C-alpha atoms as a PDB file:
ATOM      1  CA  MET A   1      22.789 -15.365 -16.122  1.00  0.00           C
ATOM      2  CA  THR A   2      21.470 -12.701 -13.766  1.00  0.00           C
ATOM      3  CA  ASP A   3      19.606  -9.610 -14.772  1.00  0.00           C
ATOM      4  CA  PRO A   4      21.251  -6.564 -13.122  1.00  0.00           C
ATOM      5  CA  THR A   5      17.966  -4.641 -13.198  1.00  0.00           C
ATOM      6  CA  ARG A   6      16.218  -7.147 -10.931  1.00  0.00           C
ATOM      7  CA  ILE A   7      16.172  -6.421  -7.206  1.00  0.00           C
ATOM      8  CA  ASN A   8      17.029  -9.132  -4.730  1.00  0.00           C
ATOM      9  CA  HIS A   9      14.528  -8.379  -1.959  1.00  0.00           C
ATOM     10  CA  SER A  10      16.289 -10.630   0.521  1.00  0.00           C
ATOM     11  CA  GLU A  11      19.134  -8.104   0.560  1.00  0.00           C
ATOM     12  CA  LEU A  12      16.707  -5.289   1.414  1.00  0.00           C
ATOM     13  CA  GLU A  13      15.251  -6.886   4.545  1.00  0.00           C
ATOM     14  CA  ALA A  14      16.122  -5.168   7.789  1.00  0.00           C
ATOM     15  CA  ASP A  15      17.917  -7.104  10.518  1.00  0.00           C
ATOM     16  CA  GLY A  16      17.535  -7.280  14.262  1.00  0.00           C
ATOM     17  CA  GLU A  17      15.650  -4.710  16.282  1.00  0.00           C
ATOM     18  CA  ALA A  18      14.772  -2.585  13.257  1.00  0.00           C
ATOM     19  CA  ALA A  19      13.045  -5.575  11.647  1.00  0.00           C
ATOM     20  CA  ASP A  20      11.025  -6.199  14.815  1.00  0.00           C
ATOM     21  CA  LEU A  21       9.909  -2.576  14.946  1.00  0.00           C
ATOM     22  CA  TYR A  22       8.997  -2.607  11.250  1.00  0.00           C
ATOM     23  CA  SER A  23       7.097  -5.880  11.681  1.00  0.00           C
ATOM     24  CA  GLU A  24       5.195  -4.522  14.674  1.00  0.00           C
ATOM     25  CA  ARG A  25       4.256  -1.315  12.852  1.00  0.00           C
ATOM     26  CA  ARG A  26       3.169  -3.247   9.763  1.00  0.00           C
ATOM     27  CA  SER A  27       1.066  -5.617  11.844  1.00  0.00           C
ATOM     28  CA  ARG A  28      -0.626  -2.702  13.623  1.00  0.00           C
ATOM     29  CA  ARG A  29      -1.274  -0.956  10.291  1.00  0.00           C
ATOM     30  CA  VAL A  30      -2.787  -4.118   8.793  1.00  0.00           C
ATOM     31  CA  ARG A  31      -5.123  -4.516  11.794  1.00  0.00           C
ATOM     32  CA  ILE A  32      -6.224  -0.872  11.607  1.00  0.00           C
ATOM     33  CA  VAL A  33      -6.918  -1.090   7.884  1.00  0.00           C
ATOM     34  CA  ALA A  34      -8.861  -4.330   8.358  1.00  0.00           C
ATOM     35  CA  TRP A  35     -11.087  -2.800  11.059  1.00  0.00           C
ATOM     36  CA  VAL A  36     -11.667   0.332   8.986  1.00  0.00           C
ATOM     37  CA  VAL A  37     -12.745  -1.797   6.026  1.00  0.00           C
ATOM     38  CA  ILE A  38     -15.064  -3.884   8.210  1.00  0.00           C
ATOM     39  CA  GLY A  39     -16.543  -0.723   9.726  1.00  0.00           C
ATOM     40  CA  ALA A  40     -17.064   0.849   6.313  1.00  0.00           C
ATOM     41  CA  LEU A  41     -18.837  -2.265   5.067  1.00  0.00           C
ATOM     42  CA  VAL A  42     -21.154  -2.322   8.066  1.00  0.00           C
ATOM     43  CA  VAL A  43     -21.913   1.412   7.922  1.00  0.00           C
ATOM     44  CA  THR A  44     -22.661   1.381   4.209  1.00  0.00           C
ATOM     45  CA  GLY A  45     -24.854  -1.711   4.429  1.00  0.00           C
ATOM     46  CA  GLY A  46     -22.500  -3.893   2.426  1.00  0.00           C
ATOM     47  CA  GLY A  47     -21.756  -5.801   5.584  1.00  0.00           C
ATOM     48  CA  ALA A  48     -25.395  -6.774   6.118  1.00  0.00           C
ATOM     49  CA  THR A  49     -24.880 -10.042   4.288  1.00  0.00           C
ATOM     50  CA  LEU A  50     -21.730 -10.758   6.271  1.00  0.00           C
ATOM     51  CA  LEU A  51     -23.450 -10.027   9.580  1.00  0.00           C
ATOM     52  CA  ALA A  52     -26.441 -12.156   8.579  1.00  0.00           C
ATOM     53  CA  LEU A  53     -24.104 -15.043   7.786  1.00  0.00           C
ATOM     54  CA  LEU A  54     -22.183 -14.625  11.038  1.00  0.00           C
ATOM     55  CA  PHE A  55     -25.104 -14.126  13.402  1.00  0.00           C
ATOM     56  CA  GLY A  56     -27.819 -16.019  11.546  1.00  0.00           C
END
């Protein structure tokens, strides 16, 4: 018994070249967000503990 209100996400995935472009854009966006978060932590001092752990 299937629920008609549930979305099958496998049917929504893009195929071929469009999927590659989407994947590349998503990967770039994830990297940018990660670096912004790291930078914000360091600038605000919250990254001091992380830097101390990394660099002794």
